[in-house]
Every structure is written in structure tokens, then in C-alpha cells.
C-alpha atoms as a PDB file:
ATOM      1  CA  MET A   1      46.809  51.098 202.136  1.00  0.00           C
ATOM      2  CA  PHE A   2      46.125  48.740 199.181  1.00  0.00           C
ATOM      3  CA  LEU A   3      47.916  48.594 195.923  1.00  0.00           C
ATOM      4  CA  HIS A   4      47.810  46.623 192.476  1.00  0.00           C
ATOM      5  CA  SER A   5      50.750  44.357 192.516  1.00  0.00           C
ATOM      6  CA  ASN A   6      51.067  41.265 190.402  1.00  0.00           C
ATOM      7  CA  GLY A   7      47.643  40.904 189.578  1.00  0.00           C
ATOM      8  CA  LEU A   8      46.794  41.078 193.012  1.00  0.00           C
ATOM      9  CA  ASN A   9      45.096  44.034 195.202  1.00  0.00           C
ATOM     10  CA  LEU A  10      47.626  43.723 198.063  1.00  0.00           C
ATOM     11  CA  HIS A  11      47.144  45.198 201.498  1.00  0.00           C
ATOM     12  CA  VAL A  12      50.045  46.532 203.131  1.00  0.00           C
ATOM     13  CA  GLN A  13      51.066  48.693 206.095  1.00  0.00           C
ATOM     14  CA  ILE A  14      53.988  51.032 206.029  1.00  0.00           C
ATOM     15  CA  GLU A  15      55.527  52.679 208.905  1.00  0.00           C
ATOM     16  CA  GLY A  16      58.507  54.324 210.126  1.00  0.00           C
ATOM     17  CA  PRO A  17      60.955  57.032 208.889  1.00  0.00           C
ATOM     18  CA  HIS A  18      61.193  58.085 205.094  1.00  0.00           C
ATOM     19  CA  GLY A  19      64.848  57.116 203.929  1.00  0.00           C
ATOM     20  CA  ALA A  20      65.307  54.564 206.660  1.00  0.00           C
ATOM     21  CA  PRO A  21      66.386  51.091 205.498  1.00  0.00           C
ATOM     22  CA  PRO A  22      63.275  49.207 204.305  1.00  0.00           C
ATOM     23  CA  LEU A  23      62.523  45.813 206.220  1.00  0.00           C
ATOM     24  CA  LEU A  24      60.148  43.624 204.857  1.00  0.00           C
ATOM     25  CA  LEU A  25      58.217  41.477 207.505  1.00  0.00           C
ATOM     26  CA  LEU A  26      56.462  38.351 205.765  1.00  0.00           C
ATOM     27  CA  HIS A  27      53.951  36.426 208.198  1.00  0.00           C
ATOM     28  CA  SER A  28      52.832  32.774 208.427  1.00  0.00           C
ATOM     29  CA  LEU A  29      50.327  30.424 207.077  1.00  0.00           C
ATOM     30  CA  GLY A  30      46.906  31.032 208.386  1.00  0.00           C
ATOM     31  CA  THR A  31      47.636  34.777 210.128  1.00  0.00           C
ATOM     32  CA  SER A  32      48.028  38.226 208.590  1.00  0.00           C
ATOM     33  CA  LEU A  33      50.661  41.244 208.895  1.00  0.00           C
ATOM     34  CA  HIS A  34      49.370  41.323 212.631  1.00  0.00           C
ATOM     35  CA  VAL A  35      51.514  38.464 213.678  1.00  0.00           C
ATOM     36  CA  TRP A  36      54.257  41.156 213.669  1.00  0.00           C
ATOM     37  CA  ASP A  37      52.605  43.772 215.874  1.00  0.00           C
ATOM     38  CA  ALA A  38      54.496  43.492 218.903  1.00  0.00           C
ATOM     39  CA  GLN A  39      57.578  44.272 216.989  1.00  0.00           C
ATOM     40  CA  ALA A  40      56.247  47.010 214.620  1.00  0.00           C
ATOM     41  CA  SER A  41      56.694  50.123 216.882  1.00  0.00           C
ATOM     42  CA  ARG A  42      60.086  49.122 218.226  1.00  0.00           C
ATOM     43  CA  LEU A  43      61.426  48.349 214.568  1.00  0.00           C
ATOM     44  CA  ALA A  44      59.703  51.263 212.985  1.00  0.00           C
ATOM     45  CA  ARG A  45      62.093  53.679 214.917  1.00  0.00           C
ATOM     46  CA  ARG A  46      64.870  52.397 212.767  1.00  0.00           C
ATOM     47  CA  PHE A  47      63.423  50.810 209.734  1.00  0.00           C
ATOM     48  CA  ARG A  48      60.981  51.681 206.977  1.00  0.00           C
ATOM     49  CA  LEU A  49      58.724  48.936 207.719  1.00  0.00           C
ATOM     50  CA  ILE A  50      56.631  47.178 205.428  1.00  0.00           C
ATOM     51  CA  ARG A  51      54.183  44.749 206.239  1.00  0.00           C
ATOM     52  CA  PRO A  52      52.000  43.006 203.746  1.00  0.00           C
ATOM     53  CA  ASP A  53      49.071  40.331 203.945  1.00  0.00           C
ATOM     54  CA  LEU A  54      50.265  37.453 201.686  1.00  0.00           C
ATOM     55  CA  ARG A  55      48.250  36.293 198.722  1.00  0.00           C
ATOM     56  CA  GLY A  56      45.218  34.800 200.184  1.00  0.00           C
ATOM     57  CA  HIS A  57      45.478  36.213 203.522  1.00  0.00           C
ATOM     58  CA  GLY A  58      44.346  38.854 205.538  1.00  0.00           C
ATOM     59  CA  LEU A  59      42.797  41.843 203.422  1.00  0.00           C
ATOM     60  CA  SER A  60      44.806  40.898 200.283  1.00  0.00           C
ATOM     61  CA  SER A  61      43.077  39.263 197.277  1.00  0.00           C
ATOM     62  CA  VAL A  62      42.450  35.488 197.274  1.00  0.00           C
ATOM     63  CA  THR A  63      43.150  33.750 194.005  1.00  0.00           C
ATOM     64  CA  PRO A  64      42.468  30.078 193.269  1.00  0.00           C
ATOM     65  CA  GLY A  65      45.456  27.824 194.220  1.00  0.00           C
ATOM     66  CA  PRO A  66      47.360  26.010 194.189  1.00  0.00           C
ATOM     67  CA  TYR A  67      50.274  28.674 195.060  1.00  0.00           C
ATOM     68  CA  SER A  68      53.941  27.998 194.757  1.00  0.00           C
ATOM     69  CA  MET A  69      56.911  29.846 196.613  1.00  0.00           C
ATOM     70  CA  ASP A  70      58.045  31.163 193.131  1.00  0.00           C
ATOM     71  CA  LEU A  71      54.575  33.098 192.910  1.00  0.00           C
ATOM     72  CA  LEU A  72      54.436  34.202 196.577  1.00  0.00           C
ATOM     73  CA  ALA A  73      58.199  35.615 196.235  1.00  0.00           C
ATOM     74  CA  ALA A  74      57.188  37.220 192.845  1.00  0.00           C
ATOM     75  CA  ASP A  75      54.271  38.878 194.651  1.00  0.00           C
ATOM     76  CA  MET A  76      56.481  40.411 197.338  1.00  0.00           C
ATOM     77  CA  LEU A  77      59.406  41.571 194.715  1.00  0.00           C
ATOM     78  CA  ALA A  78      56.473  43.261 192.733  1.00  0.00           C
ATOM     79  CA  LEU A  79      55.494  44.867 196.005  1.00  0.00           C
ATOM     80  CA  LEU A  80      59.091  46.260 196.441  1.00  0.00           C
ATOM     81  CA  ASP A  81      58.835  47.408 192.711  1.00  0.00           C
ATOM     82  CA  ALA A  82      55.532  49.070 193.152  1.00  0.00           C
ATOM     83  CA  LEU A  83      57.033  51.051 196.304  1.00  0.00           C
ATOM     84  CA  GLY A  84      60.137  52.020 194.489  1.00  0.00           C
ATOM     85  CA  ILE A  85      62.270  49.917 196.584  1.00  0.00           C
ATOM     86  CA  ALA A  86      65.683  48.496 195.176  1.00  0.00           C
ATOM     87  CA  SER A  87      66.622  46.498 198.188  1.00  0.00           C
ATOM     88  CA  ALA A  88      65.468  45.609 201.474  1.00  0.00           C
ATOM     89  CA  HIS A  89      65.960  43.658 204.420  1.00  0.00           C
ATOM     90  CA  VAL A  90      63.433  40.541 204.648  1.00  0.00           C
ATOM     91  CA  ALA A  91      62.012  38.820 207.661  1.00  0.00           C
ATOM     92  CA  GLY A  92      59.824  35.810 207.239  1.00  0.00           C
ATOM     93  CA  LEU A  93      58.058  33.654 209.872  1.00  0.00           C
ATOM     94  CA  SER A  94      57.113  30.108 208.887  1.00  0.00           C
ATOM     95  CA  ILE A  95      55.827  30.245 205.049  1.00  0.00           C
ATOM     96  CA  GLY A  96      57.119  33.711 205.151  1.00  0.00           C
ATOM     97  CA  GLY A  97      60.623  32.565 205.824  1.00  0.00           C
ATOM     98  CA  MET A  98      60.399  30.341 202.787  1.00  0.00           C
ATOM     99  CA  VAL A  99      59.018  33.339 200.691  1.00  0.00           C
ATOM    100  CA  ALA A 100      62.072  35.143 201.706  1.00  0.00           C
ATOM    101  CA  GLN A 101      64.479  32.300 200.853  1.00  0.00           C
ATOM    102  CA  THR A 102      62.647  32.493 197.486  1.00  0.00           C
ATOM    103  CA  MET A 103      63.072  35.983 197.099  1.00  0.00           C
ATOM    104  CA  ALA A 104      66.909  35.856 197.619  1.00  0.00           C
ATOM    105  CA  ALA A 105      67.312  33.034 195.255  1.00  0.00           C
ATOM    106  CA  ALA A 106      65.294  34.788 192.526  1.00  0.00           C
ATOM    107  CA  ALA A 107      66.745  38.597 192.914  1.00  0.00           C
ATOM    108  CA  PRO A 108      69.790  38.046 195.233  1.00  0.00           C
ATOM    109  CA  ALA A 109      70.884  41.683 194.682  1.00  0.00           C
ATOM    110  CA  ARG A 110      67.335  43.048 196.098  1.00  0.00           C
ATOM    111  CA  ILE A 111      67.808  41.177 199.612  1.00  0.00           C
ATOM    112  CA  ALA A 112      70.106  43.090 202.173  1.00  0.00           C
ATOM    113  CA  SER A 113      69.779  40.339 204.611  1.00  0.00           C
ATOM    114  CA  LEU A 114      67.555  37.567 205.753  1.00  0.00           C
ATOM    115  CA  ILE A 115      65.900  37.150 208.881  1.00  0.00           C
ATOM    116  CA  LEU A 116      64.286  33.591 209.024  1.00  0.00           C
ATOM    117  CA  CYS A 117      61.995  32.738 212.021  1.00  0.00           C
ATOM    118  CA  ASP A 118      60.596  29.148 212.821  1.00  0.00           C
ATOM    119  CA  THR A 119      61.263  28.083 209.255  1.00  0.00           C
ATOM    120  CA  ALA A 120      63.057  25.764 206.748  1.00  0.00           C
ATOM    121  CA  MET A 121      64.266  24.727 203.409  1.00  0.00           C
ATOM    122  CA  ALA A 122      61.538  22.382 203.330  1.00  0.00           C
ATOM    123  CA  ILE A 123      58.497  20.954 205.881  1.00  0.00           C
ATOM    124  CA  PRO A 124      57.889  17.679 204.997  1.00  0.00           C
ATOM    125  CA  PRO A 125      55.548  15.481 204.735  1.00  0.00           C
ATOM    126  CA  ALA A 126      53.834  17.004 201.799  1.00  0.00           C
ATOM    127  CA  GLN A 127      51.301  14.747 202.393  1.00  0.00           C
ATOM    128  CA  ILE A 128      50.048  16.782 205.701  1.00  0.00           C
ATOM    129  CA  TRP A 129      49.821  19.999 203.854  1.00  0.00           C
ATOM    130  CA  HIS A 130      47.645  18.220 201.213  1.00  0.00           C
ATOM    131  CA  GLU A 131      45.404  16.922 203.764  1.00  0.00           C
ATOM    132  CA  ARG A 132      45.261  20.461 205.320  1.00  0.00           C
ATOM    133  CA  ALA A 133      44.228  22.058 201.972  1.00  0.00           C
ATOM    134  CA  ALA A 134      41.558  19.328 201.485  1.00  0.00           C
ATOM    135  CA  SER A 135      40.213  20.024 204.679  1.00  0.00           C
ATOM    136  CA  ALA A 136      40.109  23.699 204.520  1.00  0.00           C
ATOM    137  CA  ARG A 137      38.306  23.689 201.241  1.00  0.00           C
ATOM    138  CA  SER A 138      35.792  20.910 202.344  1.00  0.00           C
ATOM    139  CA  ALA A 139      35.080  21.908 205.888  1.00  0.00           C
ATOM    140  CA  GLY A 140      36.223  25.739 206.255  1.00  0.00           C
ATOM    141  CA  MET A 141      38.962  26.562 208.947  1.00  0.00           C
ATOM    142  CA  ALA A 142      36.867  25.535 212.178  1.00  0.00           C
ATOM    143  CA  PRO A 143      38.427  21.731 212.248  1.00  0.00           C
ATOM    144  CA  LEU A 144      41.999  22.956 211.953  1.00  0.00           C
ATOM    145  CA  ILE A 145      42.205  25.865 214.710  1.00  0.00           C
ATOM    146  CA  ALA A 146      42.841  23.289 217.516  1.00  0.00           C
ATOM    147  CA  PRO A 147      45.358  21.209 215.934  1.00  0.00           C
ATOM    148  CA  VAL A 148      47.097  24.328 214.340  1.00  0.00           C
ATOM    149  CA  LEU A 149      47.045  26.107 217.734  1.00  0.00           C
ATOM    150  CA  ALA A 150      48.549  23.314 219.620  1.00  0.00           C
ATOM    151  CA  ARG A 151      51.552  23.369 217.329  1.00  0.00           C
ATOM    152  CA  TRP A 152      51.742  27.254 217.140  1.00  0.00           C
ATOM    153  CA  VAL A 153      52.009  27.936 220.858  1.00  0.00           C
ATOM    154  CA  THR A 154      53.204  26.156 223.944  1.00  0.00           C
ATOM    155  CA  ALA A 155      50.470  24.405 226.220  1.00  0.00           C
ATOM    156  CA  GLY A 156      50.972  27.234 228.932  1.00  0.00           C
ATOM    157  CA  PHE A 157      50.295  30.067 226.565  1.00  0.00           C
ATOM    158  CA  ALA A 158      47.329  28.461 224.623  1.00  0.00           C
ATOM    159  CA  ASP A 159      44.551  30.215 226.978  1.00  0.00           C
ATOM    160  CA  SER A 160      46.061  33.690 226.651  1.00  0.00           C
ATOM    161  CA  PRO A 161      44.541  36.951 225.085  1.00  0.00           C
ATOM    162  CA  ALA A 162      47.379  36.719 222.450  1.00  0.00           C
ATOM    163  CA  ALA A 163      46.737  32.979 221.810  1.00  0.00           C
ATOM    164  CA  GLU A 164      42.985  33.921 221.316  1.00  0.00           C
ATOM    165  CA  GLY A 165      43.946  36.832 218.800  1.00  0.00           C
ATOM    166  CA  LEU A 166      46.174  33.915 216.747  1.00  0.00           C
ATOM    167  CA  ARG A 167      42.715  31.731 216.720  1.00  0.00           C
ATOM    168  CA  ALA A 168      40.816  34.691 215.486  1.00  0.00           C
ATOM    169  CA  MET A 169      43.383  35.271 212.591  1.00  0.00           C
ATOM    170  CA  LEU A 170      43.164  31.555 211.787  1.00  0.00           C
ATOM    171  CA  ARG A 171      39.560  31.403 211.955  1.00  0.00           C
ATOM    172  CA  ARG A 172      39.139  34.555 209.471  1.00  0.00           C
ATOM    173  CA  THR A 173      41.632  33.218 207.104  1.00  0.00           C
ATOM    174  CA  ASP A 174      39.956  32.308 203.757  1.00  0.00           C
ATOM    175  CA  PRO A 175      39.932  28.810 203.276  1.00  0.00           C
ATOM    176  CA  GLU A 176      41.041  28.915 199.673  1.00  0.00           C
ATOM    177  CA  GLY A 177      44.080  31.087 200.521  1.00  0.00           C
ATOM    178  CA  TYR A 178      44.855  28.778 203.386  1.00  0.00           C
ATOM    179  CA  ALA A 179      44.863  25.491 201.265  1.00  0.00           C
ATOM    180  CA  ALA A 180      46.704  27.217 198.264  1.00  0.00           C
ATOM    181  CA  ALA A 181      49.304  28.319 200.547  1.00  0.00           C
ATOM    182  CA  ALA A 182      49.707  25.365 202.260  1.00  0.00           C
ATOM    183  CA  GLU A 183      50.128  23.341 198.695  1.00  0.00           C
ATOM    184  CA  ALA A 184      52.998  25.979 198.091  1.00  0.00           C
ATOM    185  CA  ILE A 185      54.641  24.515 201.252  1.00  0.00           C
ATOM    186  CA  ALA A 186      54.070  20.732 200.196  1.00  0.00           C
ATOM    187  CA  GLY A 187      55.884  21.655 196.876  1.00  0.00           C
ATOM    188  CA  ALA A 188      58.548  23.716 198.336  1.00  0.00           C
ATOM    189  CA  ASP A 189      62.131  22.125 198.533  1.00  0.00           C
ATOM    190  CA  LEU A 190      64.480  24.938 198.698  1.00  0.00           C
ATOM    191  CA  HIS A 191      67.797  23.008 199.996  1.00  0.00           C
ATOM    192  CA  ALA A 192      69.827  23.497 196.905  1.00  0.00           C
ATOM    193  CA  ALA A 193      68.867  27.178 196.262  1.00  0.00           C
ATOM    194  CA  THR A 194      69.193  28.336 199.740  1.00  0.00           C
ATOM    195  CA  ALA A 195      72.688  26.625 199.988  1.00  0.00           C
ATOM    196  CA  ARG A 196      73.742  28.941 197.218  1.00  0.00           C
ATOM    197  CA  LEU A 197      72.894  32.244 198.960  1.00  0.00           C
ATOM    198  CA  ARG A 198      75.711  34.583 199.943  1.00  0.00           C
ATOM    199  CA  LEU A 199      74.081  37.272 202.404  1.00  0.00           C
ATOM    200  CA  PRO A 200      74.060  38.139 206.060  1.00  0.00           C
ATOM    201  CA  ALA A 201      71.412  36.006 207.745  1.00  0.00           C
ATOM    202  CA  LEU A 202      69.911  35.399 211.255  1.00  0.00           C
ATOM    203  CA  VAL A 203      68.056  31.950 211.861  1.00  0.00           C
ATOM    204  CA  ILE A 204      65.489  32.286 214.817  1.00  0.00           C
ATOM    205  CA  VAL A 205      63.532  29.180 216.328  1.00  0.00           C
ATOM    206  CA  GLY A 206      61.442  28.447 219.269  1.00  0.00           C
ATOM    207  CA  ALA A 207      62.936  25.584 221.429  1.00  0.00           C
ATOM    208  CA  GLN A 208      59.346  23.810 221.416  1.00  0.00           C
ATOM    209  CA  ASP A 209      58.663  24.247 217.665  1.00  0.00           C
ATOM    210  CA  GLN A 210      57.208  20.865 216.483  1.00  0.00           C
ATOM    211  CA  THR A 211      56.613  22.170 212.814  1.00  0.00           C
ATOM    212  CA  THR A 212      60.073  23.536 212.178  1.00  0.00           C
ATOM    213  CA  PRO A 213      62.286  22.032 215.253  1.00  0.00           C
ATOM    214  CA  LEU A 214      65.639  22.899 216.201  1.00  0.00           C
ATOM    215  CA  ALA A 215      67.185  20.438 213.716  1.00  0.00           C
ATOM    216  CA  SER A 216      65.511  22.186 210.750  1.00  0.00           C
ATOM    217  CA  ALA A 217      66.888  25.828 212.025  1.00  0.00           C
ATOM    218  CA  GLU A 218      70.191  24.197 212.496  1.00  0.00           C
ATOM    219  CA  ALA A 219      70.460  22.909 209.002  1.00  0.00           C
ATOM    220  CA  LEU A 220      69.043  26.255 207.849  1.00  0.00           C
ATOM    221  CA  ALA A 221      71.576  28.142 209.595  1.00  0.00           C
ATOM    222  CA  SER A 222      74.393  25.720 208.399  1.00  0.00           C
ATOM    223  CA  ALA A 223      73.250  26.094 204.981  1.00  0.00           C
ATOM    224  CA  LEU A 224      73.595  29.878 205.166  1.00  0.00           C
ATOM    225  CA  GLY A 225      76.515  30.208 207.405  1.00  0.00           C
ATOM    226  CA  ALA A 226      73.810  32.209 209.723  1.00  0.00           C
ATOM    227  CA  ARG A 227      74.077  32.924 213.393  1.00  0.00           C
ATOM    228  CA  LEU A 228      71.364  30.800 215.055  1.00  0.00           C
ATOM    229  CA  VAL A 229      69.113  31.992 218.141  1.00  0.00           C
ATOM    230  CA  VAL A 230      66.932  29.487 220.181  1.00  0.00           C
ATOM    231  CA  LEU A 231      64.051  31.308 222.033  1.00  0.00           C
ATOM    232  CA  GLU A 232      63.077  29.408 225.356  1.00  0.00           C
ATOM    233  CA  HIS A 233      59.370  29.169 226.031  1.00  0.00           C
ATOM    234  CA  ALA A 234      58.288  29.552 222.556  1.00  0.00           C
ATOM    235  CA  ALA A 235      56.905  27.158 219.907  1.00  0.00           C
ATOM    236  CA  HIS A 236      56.116  28.068 215.929  1.00  0.00           C
ATOM    237  CA  ILE A 237      54.938  31.575 216.563  1.00  0.00           C
ATOM    238  CA  PRO A 238      57.387  33.393 218.916  1.00  0.00           C
ATOM    239  CA  THR A 239      56.695  36.900 217.674  1.00  0.00           C
ATOM    240  CA  VAL A 240      53.410  36.632 219.535  1.00  0.00           C
ATOM    241  CA  GLU A 241      54.377  34.305 222.491  1.00  0.00           C
ATOM    242  CA  GLN A 242      57.858  35.731 223.048  1.00  0.00           C
ATOM    243  CA  PRO A 243      57.502  39.287 221.362  1.00  0.00           C
ATOM    244  CA  GLU A 244      60.433  40.987 223.315  1.00  0.00           C
END
């Protein structure tokens, strides 16, 4: 479905029983709501599952950048408003996890719990994200596909059909949407705000994640007093590589 929210035409899929606890799933940079496909049918048995395409991604509106975490979090809080949802569990992958942390800092009463997957309170150095943004705007997505996929999945998974699906998501991401969201990552330092959060949380990380490695996950779990789960044989996108 599509709905107008925070000045966007936002694409969102909603599954699961009416009246079930809402669970908002936020995807990673350069993907779409489909990065959660392998979990959706199972989770929709118990939750009212809400999967949006973030600003600049999938079928949602692309607006000029740069974006910020505050803007992306405001988009998602406005989505909950549009759906009449007072509070929700929020799971976020990579940039989605940073958006989830920012939502919780802005509106703690509206977040029932956080599930933070392969994400961090900051992902330095900022220069890398500015370089990716400049590349996307000047040359499109094609030059980014090989180096980004090499960090998203392990080498043994890179030739699988599911990895090809990830390539397709990245290839089809709007360059301005990608660049603007990369700039949001460059500008984000959530250490102070996340350390003040007091809510149930789970942190998950792929053992071979180079972008948000185990040390980042440990720091995030420590700041939140959260349980940490390490997934073997997975890198930065375990929702696809280790879906179970």
C-alpha cells in the first residue's frame, strides 16, 4: 500500500492479525523492505508486521539530500501516526537500526522494544560515506555494487540466488536516495542518546560483519544493557544470509 506521511508518498507492506502487537521492520542502506522477506511470514503469525521502504528507497518517494537520522526517524514516527499505532516494537538492520535508536530517543514511550541488527551508534569514518554519496551521484549505482556486496555477505554466499537478489535491490536503488541516506550515516553519532535509553533491547551481529563489527555490537549492547547474539557464517545482511 501507499500512504502520504511526513511529506512523502511512502510504500509499506502490512501483514499479520489485526490487534496483534505491532512490529516495525526497517531495512538497510541500498535495499528495501524485501530484505526482511525471509522473516516476514513467520513473524506475521504473532505480530502486526509493518515493513516500509525508507525515504529514497524502494517505491517510496525520493527527496533531495542530505538526509539525517532525525528526518528518517520522523518519517517512521509519522508512519505510526498515519496507521493509528501508539507504540510498536522496532527492528532495524544497519541504517534501519540507527533510525530505530533515533526513534526511541525522540519518542521513548512509543517504542516497546528494540531489535538492532548489524548496526551501531556510529559508523565511521564519515569520509567513506561522503565518498559513496559522491560516487552514486556522479556515476550511479553500478560502481558500488561489487565493493558493497563484498561487505554485505560472506565470500561463500556471494554467488547464491539470494545474493543476486541483494545486487538487484542495490542496483535499483535511486542514486540520490542512496547518497542522501549515506550522508545521514556520515552525520550520525548516537552514543549519548542511545546510552540514555531504558527499554528492552536485543543486539544481533554477523560474526564476519566488517561494516558494523562485533566490537560495535558489543558497545551497543553495553550501552543498552541488551542481550547480544552473534550469528556465525554471516556478514552485514544476515536476514538474507542466515534467515532462520
